[in-house]
C-alpha cells in the first residue's frame, strides 16, 4: 500500500481554514484529519462537530479522517454527518461497547478505525480485527499538538503491522503524533500507511503548504 497523507486541521491557520482546506484539496492529498475532543476524555477541546460537518461541503478530492477523542462518540455522528468515504476513529479506552460503535460507523458507510493511546498494548487489537478497516496508533498522548514522540512508538507501530499482516486482512495502519520530517520515514519503514501531519511537518513555519505537502508525500511514498 502506498503511503497516504492526512494533514491535521487542528494545526492550520484558524483564520483561514477554508482556503487552507481548498489548497490541500488541490494538491493530491488523500485525507484531511479532523480532531474532535470533548474536554473529558482528553483535557482539551478543538474542532466543533458543526465545523467537522461543514468541512464535508467544501471537499472535492479529499476525504474526511475524523478522530473522535470523546466518551460515547456515537452521540456526535449525526452532528458530524458521518457517512460514505469518511474514516472515523474512536478510542478503545473511551468506549464501553466499542464493537457496537464500530458497527454503527460501518452501517453509515464510513470506515471504522480503532484508535489506541500510547499506554494501550497493541495485542488488544486481536479482538477487533473483524470489526475495523484501520488502526490509529497514537505516538503521543491524545489531546495536544506539538508533543515529542513517546518512547517505544516505533516498536509499537511495527508490532501493530505484524498483527495486521498475520491477520491477512486489508487494514490500514495510521499514525498520529510528531510525524516529523525526521521521523516519518522510520514510521513508514515500521509499517505505517497513513500519516497525520501537523506542526512538525506540513504546517512547519516558514514553508509554503504546497512545498511541505510535496516534501512529505515524497518521504512517505
Foldseek 3Di string as FASTA:
>chain_A
DFAAEAEELQFDDPVCSLVVLVVCLVQPHAEHEYEAEDCPLANAGTDDLQVLLVSVVSHDHYEYEYEYSAAPVVVSCVSNVQAARYEYEYEPVRYPCVLVVLVVSVVRNYFYEYEYAPVDALVVCLVCPVRGQEYEYEQHGPDDADDDGDPPSLVRLLVNQVSNVVVVDNHAYEYDHLCALVCVLSSLVSPHRYYHDHCRFQVDPPDDNSVRVVSVSVSRD
